[in-house]
Amino acid sequence: LIGKALRIGFRAARVGVFIAGVEIPHAHIHLIPVEPEVYRMG
C-alpha cells in the first residue's frame, strides 16, 4: 500500500523493496522510489 502511494506521489517508475535485516536488530522494510531514468524496462 505504501509502495503504491510512493509510486504515485514521486511519479516513480518502480518502488524497490528491500528487507536486509543486518544493519539493525529489528524487522523493517525499505521502500525506495526509482525514477524512470534509473530503471529501464527489461
All heavy atoms as atom14 arrays in JSON, in Angstrom:
{
  "sequence": "LIGKALRIGFRAARVGVFIAGVEIPHAHIHLIPVEPEVYRMG",
  "atom14_mask": [
    [1, 1, 1, 1, 1, 1, 1, 1, 0, 0, 0, 0, 0, 0],
    [1, 1, 1, 1, 1, 1, 1, 1, 0, 0, 0, 0, 0, 0],
    [1, 1, 1, 1, 0, 0, 0, 0, 0, 0, 0, 0, 0, 0],
    [1, 1, 1, 1, 1, 1, 1, 1, 1, 0, 0, 0, 0, 0],
    [1, 1, 1, 1, 1, 0, 0, 0, 0, 0, 0, 0, 0, 0],
    [1, 1, 1, 1, 1, 1, 1, 1, 0, 0, 0, 0, 0, 0],
    [1, 1, 1, 1, 1, 1, 1, 1, 1, 1, 1, 0, 0, 0],
    [1, 1, 1, 1, 1, 1, 1, 1, 0, 0, 0, 0, 0, 0],
    [1, 1, 1, 1, 0, 0, 0, 0, 0, 0, 0, 0, 0, 0],
    [1, 1, 1, 1, 1, 1, 1, 1, 1, 1, 1, 0, 0, 0],
    [1, 1, 1, 1, 1, 1, 1, 1, 1, 1, 1, 0, 0, 0],
    [1, 1, 1, 1, 1, 0, 0, 0, 0, 0, 0, 0, 0, 0],
    [1, 1, 1, 1, 1, 0, 0, 0, 0, 0, 0, 0, 0, 0],
    [1, 1, 1, 1, 1, 1, 1, 1, 1, 1, 1, 0, 0, 0],
    [1, 1, 1, 1, 1, 1, 1, 0, 0, 0, 0, 0, 0, 0],
    [1, 1, 1, 1, 0, 0, 0, 0, 0, 0, 0, 0, 0, 0],
    [1, 1, 1, 1, 1, 1, 1, 0, 0, 0, 0, 0, 0, 0],
    [1, 1, 1, 1, 1, 1, 1, 1, 1, 1, 1, 0, 0, 0],
    [1, 1, 1, 1, 1, 1, 1, 1, 0, 0, 0, 0, 0, 0],
    [1, 1, 1, 1, 1, 0, 0, 0, 0, 0, 0, 0, 0, 0],
    [1, 1, 1, 1, 0, 0, 0, 0, 0, 0, 0, 0, 0, 0],
    [1, 1, 1, 1, 1, 1, 1, 0, 0, 0, 0, 0, 0, 0],
    [1, 1, 1, 1, 1, 1, 1, 1, 1, 0, 0, 0, 0, 0],
    [1, 1, 1, 1, 1, 1, 1, 1, 0, 0, 0, 0, 0, 0],
    [1, 1, 1, 1, 1, 1, 1, 0, 0, 0, 0, 0, 0, 0],
    [1, 1, 1, 1, 1, 1, 1, 1, 1, 1, 0, 0, 0, 0],
    [1, 1, 1, 1, 1, 0, 0, 0, 0, 0, 0, 0, 0, 0],
    [1, 1, 1, 1, 1, 1, 1, 1, 1, 1, 0, 0, 0, 0],
    [1, 1, 1, 1, 1, 1, 1, 1, 0, 0, 0, 0, 0, 0],
    [1, 1, 1, 1, 1, 1, 1, 1, 1, 1, 0, 0, 0, 0],
    [1, 1, 1, 1, 1, 1, 1, 1, 0, 0, 0, 0, 0, 0],
    [1, 1, 1, 1, 1, 1, 1, 1, 0, 0, 0, 0, 0, 0],
    [1, 1, 1, 1, 1, 1, 1, 0, 0, 0, 0, 0, 0, 0],
    [1, 1, 1, 1, 1, 1, 1, 0, 0, 0, 0, 0, 0, 0],
    [1, 1, 1, 1, 1, 1, 1, 1, 1, 0, 0, 0, 0, 0],
    [1, 1, 1, 1, 1, 1, 1, 0, 0, 0, 0, 0, 0, 0],
    [1, 1, 1, 1, 1, 1, 1, 1, 1, 0, 0, 0, 0, 0],
    [1, 1, 1, 1, 1, 1, 1, 0, 0, 0, 0, 0, 0, 0],
    [1, 1, 1, 1, 1, 1, 1, 1, 1, 1, 1, 1, 0, 0],
    [1, 1, 1, 1, 1, 1, 1, 1, 1, 1, 1, 0, 0, 0],
    [1, 1, 1, 1, 1, 1, 1, 1, 0, 0, 0, 0, 0, 0],
    [1, 1, 1, 1, 0, 0, 0, 0, 0, 0, 0, 0, 0, 0]
  ],
  "atom14_positions": [
    [[0.83, -1.21, 0.0], [0.0, 0.0, 0.0], [0.86, 1.26, 0.0], [0.62, 2.19, -0.77], [-0.93, 0.02, 1.21], [-2.07, -0.98, 1.23], [-2.79, -0.96, 2.57], [-3.05, -0.65, 0.1], [0.0, 0.0, 0.0], [0.0, 0.0, 0.0], [0.0, 0.0, 0.0], [0.0, 0.0, 0.0], [0.0, 0.0, 0.0], [0.0, 0.0, 0.0]],
    [[1.86, 1.29, 0.85], [2.75, 2.45, 0.92], [3.55, 2.58, -0.38], [3.73, 3.68, -0.9], [3.68, 2.35, 2.14], [2.85, 2.44, 3.43], [4.75, 3.43, 2.1], [3.63, 2.12, 4.69], [0.0, 0.0, 0.0], [0.0, 0.0, 0.0], [0.0, 0.0, 0.0], [0.0, 0.0, 0.0], [0.0, 0.0, 0.0], [0.0, 0.0, 0.0]],
    [[4.01, 1.45, -0.93], [4.74, 1.47, -2.19], [3.92, 2.05, -3.33], [4.42, 2.83, -4.14], [0.0, 0.0, 0.0], [0.0, 0.0, 0.0], [0.0, 0.0, 0.0], [0.0, 0.0, 0.0], [0.0, 0.0, 0.0], [0.0, 0.0, 0.0], [0.0, 0.0, 0.0], [0.0, 0.0, 0.0], [0.0, 0.0, 0.0], [0.0, 0.0, 0.0]],
    [[2.65, 1.71, -3.4], [1.77, 2.28, -4.43], [1.63, 3.78, -4.25], [1.64, 4.54, -5.23], [0.41, 1.6, -4.4], [0.44, 0.17, -4.93], [-0.91, -0.49, -4.83], [-0.85, -1.92, -5.34], [-2.15, -2.59, -5.27], [0.0, 0.0, 0.0], [0.0, 0.0, 0.0], [0.0, 0.0, 0.0], [0.0, 0.0, 0.0], [0.0, 0.0, 0.0]],
    [[1.51, 4.24, -3.01], [1.42, 5.68, -2.74], [2.73, 6.38, -3.11], [2.71, 7.46, -3.69], [1.08, 5.91, -1.28], [0.0, 0.0, 0.0], [0.0, 0.0, 0.0], [0.0, 0.0, 0.0], [0.0, 0.0, 0.0], [0.0, 0.0, 0.0], [0.0, 0.0, 0.0], [0.0, 0.0, 0.0], [0.0, 0.0, 0.0], [0.0, 0.0, 0.0]],
    [[3.86, 5.75, -2.8], [5.16, 6.33, -3.18], [5.29, 6.44, -4.69], [5.79, 7.44, -5.21], [6.3, 5.48, -2.62], [6.56, 5.56, -1.13], [7.58, 4.49, -0.72], [7.04, 6.94, -0.73], [0.0, 0.0, 0.0], [0.0, 0.0, 0.0], [0.0, 0.0, 0.0], [0.0, 0.0, 0.0], [0.0, 0.0, 0.0], [0.0, 0.0, 0.0]],
    [[4.85, 5.41, -5.39], [4.95, 5.42, -6.86], [4.15, 6.58, -7.44], [4.62, 7.29, -8.33], [4.46, 4.09, -7.43], [4.8, 3.94, -8.9], [4.49, 2.57, -9.44], [3.08, 2.29, -9.26], [2.58, 1.08, -9.04], [3.37, 0.05, -8.95], [1.3, 0.9, -8.91], [0.0, 0.0, 0.0], [0.0, 0.0, 0.0], [0.0, 0.0, 0.0]],
    [[2.96, 6.81, -6.89], [2.13, 7.93, -7.36], [2.72, 9.26, -6.91], [2.88, 10.19, -7.71], [0.69, 7.77, -6.84], [0.04, 6.55, -7.5], [-0.12, 9.03, -7.11], [-1.26, 6.12, -6.83], [0.0, 0.0, 0.0], [0.0, 0.0, 0.0], [0.0, 0.0, 0.0], [0.0, 0.0, 0.0], [0.0, 0.0, 0.0], [0.0, 0.0, 0.0]],
    [[3.04, 9.37, -5.63], [3.5, 10.63, -5.07], [4.8, 11.12, -5.66], [4.99, 12.33, -5.85], [0.0, 0.0, 0.0], [0.0, 0.0, 0.0], [0.0, 0.0, 0.0], [0.0, 0.0, 0.0], [0.0, 0.0, 0.0], [0.0, 0.0, 0.0], [0.0, 0.0, 0.0], [0.0, 0.0, 0.0], [0.0, 0.0, 0.0], [0.0, 0.0, 0.0]],
    [[5.71, 10.2, -5.97], [7.01, 10.59, -6.53], [7.1, 10.33, -8.02], [8.18, 10.46, -8.61], [8.14, 9.86, -5.8], [8.39, 10.39, -4.42], [7.88, 9.73, -3.32], [9.1, 11.56, -4.23], [8.1, 10.23, -2.04], [9.31, 12.07, -2.96], [8.81, 11.4, -1.87], [0.0, 0.0, 0.0], [0.0, 0.0, 0.0], [0.0, 0.0, 0.0]],
    [[5.98, 9.92, -8.64], [5.95, 9.62, -10.07], [7.1, 8.67, -10.44], [7.83, 8.9, -11.41], [6.03, 10.91, -10.89], [4.86, 11.84, -10.67], [5.05, 13.15, -11.42], [4.12, 14.15, -10.96], [4.36, 14.99, -9.93], [5.48, 14.92, -9.27], [3.45, 15.88, -9.57], [0.0, 0.0, 0.0], [0.0, 0.0, 0.0], [0.0, 0.0, 0.0]],
    [[7.24, 7.64, -9.65], [8.33, 6.69, -9.81], [7.96, 5.6, -10.82], [6.8, 5.21, -10.92], [8.67, 6.05, -8.47], [0.0, 0.0, 0.0], [0.0, 0.0, 0.0], [0.0, 0.0, 0.0], [0.0, 0.0, 0.0], [0.0, 0.0, 0.0], [0.0, 0.0, 0.0], [0.0, 0.0, 0.0], [0.0, 0.0, 0.0], [0.0, 0.0, 0.0]],
    [[8.96, 5.12, -11.53], [8.75, 4.0, -12.46], [8.5, 2.72, -11.69], [7.69, 1.89, -12.09], [9.97, 3.84, -13.37], [0.0, 0.0, 0.0], [0.0, 0.0, 0.0], [0.0, 0.0, 0.0], [0.0, 0.0, 0.0], [0.0, 0.0, 0.0], [0.0, 0.0, 0.0], [0.0, 0.0, 0.0], [0.0, 0.0, 0.0], [0.0, 0.0, 0.0]],
    [[9.2, 2.58, -10.58], [9.1, 1.4, -9.73], [9.34, 1.82, -8.29], [9.87, 2.89, -8.03], [10.17, 0.36, -10.08], [10.06, -0.22, -11.45], [9.26, -1.47, -11.38], [9.5, -2.27, -12.56], [8.55, -2.98, -13.12], [7.37, -3.03, -12.62], [8.82, -3.69, -14.18], [0.0, 0.0, 0.0], [0.0, 0.0, 0.0], [0.0, 0.0, 0.0]],
    [[9.01, 0.95, -7.37], [9.39, 1.12, -5.98], [10.13, -0.14, -5.57], [9.58, -1.24, -5.63], [8.17, 1.37, -5.06], [8.59, 1.4, -3.61], [7.47, 2.66, -5.45], [0.0, 0.0, 0.0], [0.0, 0.0, 0.0], [0.0, 0.0, 0.0], [0.0, 0.0, 0.0], [0.0, 0.0, 0.0], [0.0, 0.0, 0.0], [0.0, 0.0, 0.0]],
    [[11.39, 0.05, -5.21], [12.2, -1.08, -4.77], [11.84, -1.46, -3.35], [11.55, -0.62, -2.51], [0.0, 0.0, 0.0], [0.0, 0.0, 0.0], [0.0, 0.0, 0.0], [0.0, 0.0, 0.0], [0.0, 0.0, 0.0], [0.0, 0.0, 0.0], [0.0, 0.0, 0.0], [0.0, 0.0, 0.0], [0.0, 0.0, 0.0], [0.0, 0.0, 0.0]],
    [[11.83, -2.77, -3.09], [11.54, -3.29, -1.75], [12.77, -4.05, -1.28], [13.22, -4.98, -1.95], [10.32, -4.24, -1.78], [10.05, -4.8, -0.39], [9.1, -3.53, -2.33], [0.0, 0.0, 0.0], [0.0, 0.0, 0.0], [0.0, 0.0, 0.0], [0.0, 0.0, 0.0], [0.0, 0.0, 0.0], [0.0, 0.0, 0.0], [0.0, 0.0, 0.0]],
    [[13.31, -3.62, -0.14], [14.49, -4.27, 0.4], [14.23, -4.68, 1.84], [13.78, -3.88, 2.64], [15.71, -3.33, 0.37], [16.1, -2.92, -1.02], [15.6, -1.76, -1.56], [16.94, -3.71, -1.76], [15.94, -1.38, -2.85], [17.3, -3.33, -3.05], [16.79, -2.15, -3.6], [0.0, 0.0, 0.0], [0.0, 0.0, 0.0], [0.0, 0.0, 0.0]],
    [[14.52, -5.91, 2.14], [14.46, -6.4, 3.52], [15.86, -6.94, 3.81], [16.21, -8.04, 3.41], [13.4, -7.51, 3.69], [12.05, -7.01, 3.21], [13.34, -7.97, 5.14], [10.99, -8.09, 3.12], [0.0, 0.0, 0.0], [0.0, 0.0, 0.0], [0.0, 0.0, 0.0], [0.0, 0.0, 0.0], [0.0, 0.0, 0.0], [0.0, 0.0, 0.0]],
    [[16.66, -6.13, 4.49], [18.04, -6.52, 4.71], [18.21, -7.27, 6.03], [18.74, -8.36, 6.06], [18.96, -5.31, 4.66], [0.0, 0.0, 0.0], [0.0, 0.0, 0.0], [0.0, 0.0, 0.0], [0.0, 0.0, 0.0], [0.0, 0.0, 0.0], [0.0, 0.0, 0.0], [0.0, 0.0, 0.0], [0.0, 0.0, 0.0], [0.0, 0.0, 0.0]],
    [[17.79, -6.67, 7.12], [17.84, -7.35, 8.4], [19.19, -7.49, 9.05], [19.32, -8.23, 10.01], [0.0, 0.0, 0.0], [0.0, 0.0, 0.0], [0.0, 0.0, 0.0], [0.0, 0.0, 0.0], [0.0, 0.0, 0.0], [0.0, 0.0, 0.0], [0.0, 0.0, 0.0], [0.0, 0.0, 0.0], [0.0, 0.0, 0.0], [0.0, 0.0, 0.0]],
    [[20.2, -6.82, 8.52], [21.53, -6.96, 9.13], [22.01, -5.68, 9.8], [22.86, -5.74, 10.68], [22.58, -7.44, 8.1], [22.25, -8.83, 7.63], [22.68, -6.48, 6.94], [0.0, 0.0, 0.0], [0.0, 0.0, 0.0], [0.0, 0.0, 0.0], [0.0, 0.0, 0.0], [0.0, 0.0, 0.0], [0.0, 0.0, 0.0], [0.0, 0.0, 0.0]],
    [[21.47, -4.55, 9.4], [22.02, -3.3, 9.91], [21.44, -2.87, 11.26], [22.1, -2.13, 11.98], [21.86, -2.17, 8.87], [20.42, -1.75, 8.59], [19.68, -2.64, 7.61], [20.13, -3.73, 7.26], [18.58, -2.24, 7.2], [0.0, 0.0, 0.0], [0.0, 0.0, 0.0], [0.0, 0.0, 0.0], [0.0, 0.0, 0.0], [0.0, 0.0, 0.0]],
    [[20.26, -3.3, 11.6], [19.67, -3.0, 12.9], [18.88, -4.21, 13.39], [18.38, -4.98, 12.58], [18.77, -1.74, 12.88], [17.73, -1.83, 11.78], [19.59, -0.49, 12.72], [16.79, -0.66, 11.73], [0.0, 0.0, 0.0], [0.0, 0.0, 0.0], [0.0, 0.0, 0.0], [0.0, 0.0, 0.0], [0.0, 0.0, 0.0], [0.0, 0.0, 0.0]],
    [[18.79, -4.4, 14.69], [18.21, -5.64, 15.23], [16.69, -5.64, 15.37], [16.17, -5.97, 16.42], [18.91, -5.79, 16.58], [19.11, -4.38, 17.02], [19.41, -3.61, 15.76], [0.0, 0.0, 0.0], [0.0, 0.0, 0.0], [0.0, 0.0, 0.0], [0.0, 0.0, 0.0], [0.0, 0.0, 0.0], [0.0, 0.0, 0.0], [0.0, 0.0, 0.0]],
    [[15.98, -5.21, 14.33], [14.53, -5.35, 14.35], [14.02, -5.43, 12.91], [14.72, -5.07, 11.98], [13.85, -4.19, 15.11], [14.04, -2.85, 14.49], [15.01, -1.97, 14.91], [13.4, -2.23, 13.48], [14.96, -0.86, 14.18], [13.99, -1.0, 13.3], [0.0, 0.0, 0.0], [0.0, 0.0, 0.0], [0.0, 0.0, 0.0], [0.0, 0.0, 0.0]],
    [[12.82, -5.93, 12.75], [12.26, -6.11, 11.42], [11.85, -4.76, 10.84], [11.24, -3.94, 11.52], [11.04, -7.02, 11.49], [0.0, 0.0, 0.0], [0.0, 0.0, 0.0], [0.0, 0.0, 0.0], [0.0, 0.0, 0.0], [0.0, 0.0, 0.0], [0.0, 0.0, 0.0], [0.0, 0.0, 0.0], [0.0, 0.0, 0.0], [0.0, 0.0, 0.0]],
    [[12.22, -4.53, 9.6], [11.78, -3.34, 8.88], [11.92, -3.59, 7.38], [12.67, -4.48, 6.96], [12.54, -2.09, 9.32], [13.98, -2.12, 8.98], [14.91, -2.83, 9.7], [14.66, -1.52, 7.98], [16.09, -2.67, 9.16], [15.98, -1.89, 8.12], [0.0, 0.0, 0.0], [0.0, 0.0, 0.0], [0.0, 0.0, 0.0], [0.0, 0.0, 0.0]],
    [[11.21, -2.79, 6.62], [11.19, -2.92, 5.17], [11.57, -1.57, 4.57], [11.04, -0.55, 4.98], [9.8, -3.36, 4.67], [9.42, -4.71, 5.27], [9.75, -3.39, 3.15], [7.99, -5.13, 5.01], [0.0, 0.0, 0.0], [0.0, 0.0, 0.0], [0.0, 0.0, 0.0], [0.0, 0.0, 0.0], [0.0, 0.0, 0.0], [0.0, 0.0, 0.0]],
    [[12.49, -1.58, 3.61], [12.87, -0.36, 2.91], [12.05, -0.27, 1.62], [11.98, -1.25, 0.87], [14.35, -0.39, 2.5], [15.28, -0.5, 3.65], [15.89, 0.6, 4.21], [15.74, -1.57, 4.33], [16.68, 0.2, 5.19], [16.61, -1.11, 5.3], [0.0, 0.0, 0.0], [0.0, 0.0, 0.0], [0.0, 0.0, 0.0], [0.0, 0.0, 0.0]],
    [[11.44, 0.88, 1.37], [10.73, 1.13, 0.12], [11.39, 2.33, -0.53], [11.46, 3.41, 0.07], [9.25, 1.42, 0.38], [8.48, 0.3, 1.08], [7.1, 0.77, 1.49], [8.38, -0.9, 0.16], [0.0, 0.0, 0.0], [0.0, 0.0, 0.0], [0.0, 0.0, 0.0], [0.0, 0.0, 0.0], [0.0, 0.0, 0.0], [0.0, 0.0, 0.0]],
    [[11.89, 2.15, -1.75], [12.66, 3.19, -2.4], [12.09, 3.49, -3.78], [12.14, 2.63, -4.68], [14.14, 2.76, -2.51], [14.67, 2.47, -1.11], [14.96, 3.84, -3.22], [16.02, 1.85, -1.08], [0.0, 0.0, 0.0], [0.0, 0.0, 0.0], [0.0, 0.0, 0.0], [0.0, 0.0, 0.0], [0.0, 0.0, 0.0], [0.0, 0.0, 0.0]],
    [[11.52, 4.7, -3.96], [11.04, 5.07, -5.3], [12.21, 5.13, -6.28], [13.28, 5.63, -5.94], [10.44, 6.47, -5.1], [10.27, 6.64, -3.63], [11.3, 5.75, -2.98], [0.0, 0.0, 0.0], [0.0, 0.0, 0.0], [0.0, 0.0, 0.0], [0.0, 0.0, 0.0], [0.0, 0.0, 0.0], [0.0, 0.0, 0.0], [0.0, 0.0, 0.0]],
    [[12.0, 4.6, -7.48], [13.04, 4.58, -8.5], [12.54, 5.41, -9.68], [11.47, 5.15, -10.22], [13.34, 3.13, -8.94], [14.4, 3.12, -10.02], [13.76, 2.29, -7.75], [0.0, 0.0, 0.0], [0.0, 0.0, 0.0], [0.0, 0.0, 0.0], [0.0, 0.0, 0.0], [0.0, 0.0, 0.0], [0.0, 0.0, 0.0], [0.0, 0.0, 0.0]],
    [[13.33, 6.4, -10.06], [12.96, 7.3, -11.15], [12.97, 6.57, -12.48], [13.76, 5.64, -12.68], [13.94, 8.46, -11.21], [13.92, 9.32, -9.96], [15.0, 10.38, -10.0], [15.59, 10.63, -11.07], [15.25, 10.97, -8.94], [0.0, 0.0, 0.0], [0.0, 0.0, 0.0], [0.0, 0.0, 0.0], [0.0, 0.0, 0.0], [0.0, 0.0, 0.0]],
    [[12.14, 7.02, -13.43], [12.11, 6.36, -14.75], [13.46, 6.33, -15.44], [13.78, 5.39, -16.15], [11.12, 7.22, -15.55], [10.27, 7.88, -14.52], [11.16, 8.09, -13.32], [0.0, 0.0, 0.0], [0.0, 0.0, 0.0], [0.0, 0.0, 0.0], [0.0, 0.0, 0.0], [0.0, 0.0, 0.0], [0.0, 0.0, 0.0], [0.0, 0.0, 0.0]],
    [[14.31, 7.36, -15.22], [15.61, 7.38, -15.88], [16.56, 6.31, -15.34], [17.5, 5.91, -15.99], [16.3, 8.75, -15.72], [15.5, 9.9, -16.25], [14.48, 10.42, -15.25], [14.78, 10.46, -14.04], [13.38, 10.77, -15.67], [0.0, 0.0, 0.0], [0.0, 0.0, 0.0], [0.0, 0.0, 0.0], [0.0, 0.0, 0.0], [0.0, 0.0, 0.0]],
    [[16.34, 5.9, -14.09], [17.23, 4.93, -13.46], [16.83, 3.52, -13.84], [17.65, 2.67, -14.15], [17.22, 5.09, -11.93], [18.05, 4.01, -11.26], [17.73, 6.47, -11.55], [0.0, 0.0, 0.0], [0.0, 0.0, 0.0], [0.0, 0.0, 0.0], [0.0, 0.0, 0.0], [0.0, 0.0, 0.0], [0.0, 0.0, 0.0], [0.0, 0.0, 0.0]],
    [[15.52, 3.25, -13.8], [15.04, 1.9, -14.11], [14.53, 1.87, -15.53], [13.68, 2.66, -15.91], [13.94, 1.49, -13.15], [13.42, 0.11, -13.46], [14.07, -1.01, -12.95], [12.35, -0.08, -14.3], [13.63, -2.28, -13.25], [11.9, -1.35, -14.61], [12.55, -2.44, -14.09], [12.12, -3.69, -14.39], [0.0, 0.0, 0.0], [0.0, 0.0, 0.0]],
    [[15.02, 0.97, -16.31], [14.53, 0.8, -17.67], [13.88, -0.57, -17.77], [14.37, -1.53, -17.19], [15.67, 0.92, -18.67], [16.31, 2.3, -18.64], [17.42, 2.37, -19.65], [18.03, 3.68, -19.59], [19.2, 3.94, -20.11], [19.89, 3.0, -20.71], [19.7, 5.15, -20.03], [0.0, 0.0, 0.0], [0.0, 0.0, 0.0], [0.0, 0.0, 0.0]],
    [[12.81, -0.66, -18.51], [12.1, -1.93, -18.63], [13.03, -3.0, -19.2], [13.89, -2.72, -20.01], [10.87, -1.78, -19.53], [9.84, -0.8, -18.99], [9.31, -1.16, -17.3], [8.33, -2.6, -17.58], [0.0, 0.0, 0.0], [0.0, 0.0, 0.0], [0.0, 0.0, 0.0], [0.0, 0.0, 0.0], [0.0, 0.0, 0.0], [0.0, 0.0, 0.0]],
    [[12.86, -4.2, -18.77], [13.69, -5.3, -19.22], [15.03, -5.27, -18.53], [15.16, -4.88, -17.38], [0.0, 0.0, 0.0], [0.0, 0.0, 0.0], [0.0, 0.0, 0.0], [0.0, 0.0, 0.0], [0.0, 0.0, 0.0], [0.0, 0.0, 0.0], [0.0, 0.0, 0.0], [0.0, 0.0, 0.0], [0.0, 0.0, 0.0], [0.0, 0.0, 0.0]]
  ]
}
